Amino acid sequence: MENQKFQEENSIIQIKQLEGTLDRTRLNLTMMKQNLENLSVKAPVSGLLSRVDVEIGASIIAGQNIGQIDDLNGFKMRVEVDEHYISRIFPGLEGSFEFNGATTKLVVSKVYPEVTNGRFEVDMTFGNKIPEGIRRGQSVPVRLQLGKPAEAVLLPTGGFFSDTGGNWVYVVNKSGSRAEKRDISLGRKNPQYFEVLSGLEPGEEVVTSSYENFGDKDVLNLQ
């Protein structure tokens, strides 16, 4: 009976020791899982990973910046505008641009009045859904609605303007053999066209390249 009592007490002690070992094993397993989770890089916000600055084998410490995440709900457009229009740009002005075959609307949210190299900047927010596939740093031409649409005679921009100031151009005759100097008057402009106020008729052909090598000649022989 004493031997059985000893064996029973000894078994209780062994069970307690085994339970302690099991608890320590569970604790070690939990710590290993935490260490394994620490090997995963977690971003502070959800979004689009647009830049990664890591190399295989590199040692990274907690809190180190290894990339950039773009918040897809925080995109805006930074637009450069010719200083000629600075008095006509204001918050709330609408615009648009083409992306992936669809037209996306924009609204001016902030105007930066400082002019640098003949241009000033404005911030524009998306008026509706942000187009899918857009990335930070992309460049697209933006159209600003400065007034009501109207018909006008348009002249493509070109090197001629720097030589004539837009006061005259060489107009090609119907046969294409000669180009004669003619006074014109230009109005508004955008990156692609000048608005012609007078001096040209729709359909007339104009030499829009640089006039630097033409001197002061009134007529050019194109044959």
Protein backbone atom coordinates (compact mmCIF):
# COMPACT_ATOMS: atom_id res chain seq x y z
CA MET A 1 0.00 0.00 0.00
CA GLU A 2 2.87 2.40 0.81
CA ASN A 3 4.48 1.52 -2.50
CA GLN A 4 1.26 2.21 -4.39
CA LYS A 5 0.86 5.50 -2.52
CA PHE A 6 4.42 6.47 -3.52
CA GLN A 7 3.78 5.53 -7.12
CA GLU A 8 0.58 7.59 -7.14
CA GLU A 9 2.31 10.68 -5.69
CA ASN A 10 5.17 10.24 -8.14
CA SER A 11 2.70 9.98 -11.05
CA ILE A 12 0.98 13.20 -9.94
CA ILE A 13 4.35 14.99 -9.90
CA GLN A 14 5.22 13.65 -13.35
CA ILE A 15 1.84 14.73 -14.71
CA LYS A 16 2.39 18.25 -13.37
CA GLN A 17 5.86 18.30 -14.92
CA LEU A 18 4.47 17.11 -18.25
CA GLU A 19 1.73 19.74 -18.08
CA GLY A 20 4.40 22.39 -17.44
CA THR A 21 6.43 21.11 -20.39
CA LEU A 22 3.30 21.18 -22.56
CA ASP A 23 2.55 24.79 -21.54
CA ARG A 24 6.11 25.84 -22.37
CA THR A 25 5.88 24.06 -25.72
CA ARG A 26 2.63 25.88 -26.49
CA LEU A 27 4.26 29.19 -25.52
CA ASN A 28 7.27 28.47 -27.75
CA LEU A 29 4.95 27.55 -30.60
CA THR A 30 3.05 30.83 -30.17
CA MET A 31 6.33 32.78 -30.20
CA MET A 32 7.45 30.95 -33.35
CA LYS A 33 4.18 31.82 -35.06
CA GLN A 34 4.62 35.47 -34.07
CA ASN A 35 8.18 35.46 -35.43
CA LEU A 36 6.88 33.91 -38.64
CA GLU A 37 4.23 36.64 -38.94
CA ASN A 38 6.92 39.26 -38.37
CA LEU A 39 8.61 38.06 -41.55
CA SER A 40 5.60 39.30 -43.54
CA VAL A 41 5.63 42.96 -44.62
CA LYS A 42 2.43 44.75 -43.66
CA ALA A 43 1.34 48.05 -45.18
CA PRO A 44 -0.29 50.74 -43.02
CA VAL A 45 -2.98 51.34 -45.65
CA SER A 46 -4.53 49.42 -48.52
CA GLY A 47 -3.85 50.55 -52.06
CA LEU A 48 -1.70 49.98 -55.12
CA LEU A 49 1.96 49.04 -54.64
CA SER A 50 3.69 51.34 -57.11
CA ARG A 51 7.34 51.11 -55.98
CA VAL A 52 9.48 48.49 -54.17
CA ASP A 53 13.04 49.15 -52.94
CA VAL A 54 14.27 45.75 -51.72
CA GLU A 55 16.87 43.21 -52.80
CA ILE A 56 17.16 39.49 -52.20
CA GLY A 57 19.12 38.83 -49.00
CA ALA A 58 18.79 42.38 -47.66
CA SER A 59 18.22 42.82 -43.92
CA ILE A 60 15.14 44.88 -43.12
CA ILE A 61 14.30 46.30 -39.70
CA ALA A 62 10.84 47.02 -38.34
CA GLY A 63 9.42 50.33 -39.57
CA GLN A 64 11.81 50.60 -42.52
CA ASN A 65 10.30 52.08 -45.69
CA ILE A 66 10.77 49.60 -48.53
CA GLY A 67 8.16 50.80 -51.01
CA GLN A 68 5.32 53.13 -51.83
CA ILE A 69 1.59 52.49 -51.82
CA ASP A 70 -0.78 54.74 -53.73
CA ASP A 71 -4.19 55.34 -52.23
CA LEU A 72 -6.53 54.74 -55.15
CA ASN A 73 -9.12 57.02 -53.56
CA GLY A 74 -6.65 59.89 -53.22
CA PHE A 75 -5.49 60.46 -56.79
CA LYS A 76 -5.56 63.95 -58.27
CA MET A 77 -4.25 65.57 -61.44
CA ARG A 78 -1.59 68.31 -61.37
CA VAL A 79 -2.14 70.34 -64.53
CA GLU A 80 0.17 72.94 -66.11
CA VAL A 81 -1.68 75.82 -67.81
CA ASP A 82 -0.35 78.64 -69.98
CA GLU A 83 -0.17 81.94 -68.07
CA HIS A 84 -2.40 83.51 -70.74
CA TYR A 85 -5.38 81.82 -69.05
CA ILE A 86 -4.52 82.60 -65.42
CA SER A 87 -7.45 85.01 -65.04
CA ARG A 88 -9.91 82.45 -66.42
CA ILE A 89 -9.03 79.48 -64.18
CA PHE A 90 -10.86 79.13 -60.87
CA PRO A 91 -11.89 76.36 -58.44
CA GLY A 92 -14.92 74.48 -59.74
CA LEU A 93 -13.98 74.84 -63.41
CA GLU A 94 -14.61 71.59 -65.27
CA GLY A 95 -12.32 69.69 -67.60
CA SER A 96 -11.82 66.22 -69.02
CA PHE A 97 -9.26 63.85 -70.51
CA GLU A 98 -9.28 60.65 -72.55
CA PHE A 99 -7.99 57.44 -70.94
CA ASN A 100 -8.38 53.86 -72.16
CA GLY A 101 -10.94 54.93 -74.74
CA ALA A 102 -13.21 56.68 -72.24
CA THR A 103 -13.71 60.33 -71.22
CA THR A 104 -13.09 61.13 -67.56
CA LYS A 105 -14.35 64.36 -66.00
CA LEU A 106 -12.20 66.58 -63.80
CA VAL A 107 -12.89 69.58 -61.56
CA VAL A 108 -10.36 72.27 -60.55
CA SER A 109 -9.87 72.10 -56.77
CA LYS A 110 -6.93 74.48 -56.24
CA VAL A 111 -5.06 77.10 -58.28
CA TYR A 112 -1.37 77.89 -57.71
CA PRO A 113 -0.94 81.49 -58.98
CA GLU A 114 2.88 81.38 -59.13
CA VAL A 115 4.03 81.50 -62.77
CA THR A 116 7.17 79.56 -63.78
CA ASN A 117 8.46 79.46 -67.37
CA GLY A 118 5.20 80.94 -68.63
CA ARG A 119 3.00 78.36 -66.88
CA PHE A 120 1.11 77.96 -63.63
CA GLU A 121 -0.28 74.84 -61.97
CA VAL A 122 -3.71 73.73 -60.79
CA ASP A 123 -4.94 70.67 -58.91
CA MET A 124 -7.90 68.81 -60.40
CA THR A 125 -9.96 66.07 -58.73
CA PHE A 126 -11.92 63.35 -60.45
CA GLY A 127 -15.56 64.27 -60.92
CA ASN A 128 -16.68 60.64 -61.04
CA LYS A 129 -15.04 57.22 -60.89
CA ILE A 130 -11.24 57.12 -61.14
CA PRO A 131 -10.33 55.30 -64.37
CA GLU A 132 -9.02 51.79 -63.92
CA GLY A 133 -5.33 51.32 -64.68
CA ILE A 134 -4.19 54.89 -64.00
CA ARG A 135 -0.81 55.20 -62.31
CA ARG A 136 1.05 57.88 -60.39
CA GLY A 137 3.31 59.95 -62.66
CA GLN A 138 1.38 59.38 -65.89
CA SER A 139 0.95 62.34 -68.25
CA VAL A 140 -2.19 63.00 -70.27
CA PRO A 141 -3.50 66.07 -72.15
CA VAL A 142 -6.38 67.72 -70.25
CA ARG A 143 -9.09 69.87 -71.82
CA LEU A 144 -10.43 72.77 -69.76
CA GLN A 145 -13.88 74.15 -70.47
CA LEU A 146 -13.08 77.89 -70.43
CA GLY A 147 -16.29 78.93 -72.16
CA LYS A 148 -19.19 77.78 -74.29
CA PRO A 149 -18.24 75.77 -77.39
CA ALA A 150 -18.14 77.81 -80.60
CA GLU A 151 -17.10 77.29 -84.21
CA ALA A 152 -13.82 78.86 -85.30
CA VAL A 153 -11.17 78.72 -88.02
CA LEU A 154 -8.19 76.86 -86.56
CA LEU A 155 -4.52 76.99 -87.54
CA PRO A 156 -2.13 74.27 -86.25
CA THR A 157 0.66 75.51 -84.01
CA GLY A 158 4.14 75.51 -85.52
CA GLY A 159 7.53 77.18 -85.73
CA PHE A 160 6.16 80.05 -87.82
CA PHE A 161 4.82 81.78 -84.72
CA SER A 162 8.26 82.44 -83.23
CA ASP A 163 9.30 84.18 -86.48
CA THR A 164 6.15 86.20 -87.19
CA GLY A 165 4.52 86.58 -83.78
CA GLY A 166 1.34 85.36 -85.45
CA ASN A 167 0.96 88.58 -87.45
CA TRP A 168 1.39 86.97 -90.89
CA VAL A 169 1.83 83.60 -92.59
CA TYR A 170 2.65 82.14 -96.00
CA VAL A 171 -0.60 80.96 -97.66
CA VAL A 172 -0.29 78.30 -100.36
CA ASN A 173 -2.24 78.87 -103.60
CA LYS A 174 -4.71 76.30 -104.94
CA SER A 175 -2.20 74.73 -107.32
CA GLY A 176 0.39 74.34 -104.56
CA SER A 177 3.08 76.08 -106.62
CA ARG A 178 3.44 79.29 -104.61
CA ALA A 179 3.01 80.57 -101.07
CA GLU A 180 2.29 84.26 -100.57
CA LYS A 181 2.76 86.35 -97.47
CA ARG A 182 -0.54 87.43 -95.88
CA ASP A 183 -1.40 89.36 -92.73
CA ILE A 184 -3.60 87.50 -90.24
CA SER A 185 -4.94 87.98 -86.73
CA LEU A 186 -4.85 85.22 -84.13
CA GLY A 187 -6.92 84.86 -80.96
CA ARG A 188 -7.01 82.12 -78.38
CA LYS A 189 -4.74 79.09 -78.51
CA ASN A 190 -4.28 75.66 -77.02
CA PRO A 191 -1.32 73.27 -77.31
CA GLN A 192 -2.48 72.17 -80.79
CA TYR A 193 -4.22 75.11 -82.51
CA PHE A 194 -4.50 78.88 -82.85
CA GLU A 195 -7.87 80.54 -83.32
CA VAL A 196 -7.83 82.63 -86.52
CA LEU A 197 -9.80 85.86 -86.18
CA SER A 198 -9.13 87.18 -89.68
CA GLY A 199 -6.98 86.69 -92.78
CA LEU A 200 -7.69 83.03 -93.52
CA GLU A 201 -10.62 81.09 -94.88
CA PRO A 202 -11.52 77.50 -94.01
CA GLY A 203 -9.66 75.05 -96.24
CA GLU A 204 -6.71 77.30 -97.12
CA GLU A 205 -3.29 75.73 -96.72
CA VAL A 206 -0.60 77.49 -94.67
CA VAL A 207 3.13 76.89 -94.22
CA THR A 208 3.39 76.35 -90.44
CA SER A 209 7.05 75.34 -90.20
CA SER A 210 9.79 77.78 -89.17
CA TYR A 211 10.32 80.80 -91.44
CA GLU A 212 13.90 81.34 -90.27
CA ASN A 213 15.43 80.50 -93.67
CA PHE A 214 12.90 82.44 -95.77
CA GLY A 215 14.16 85.92 -94.95
CA ASP A 216 11.76 88.77 -95.81
CA LYS A 217 10.47 87.29 -99.09
CA ASP A 218 6.83 88.00 -99.96
CA VAL A 219 6.45 84.96 -102.21
CA LEU A 220 7.85 81.40 -101.93
CA ASN A 221 8.24 79.24 -105.01
CA LEU A 222 7.28 75.71 -103.92
CA GLN A 223 8.10 73.95 -107.22
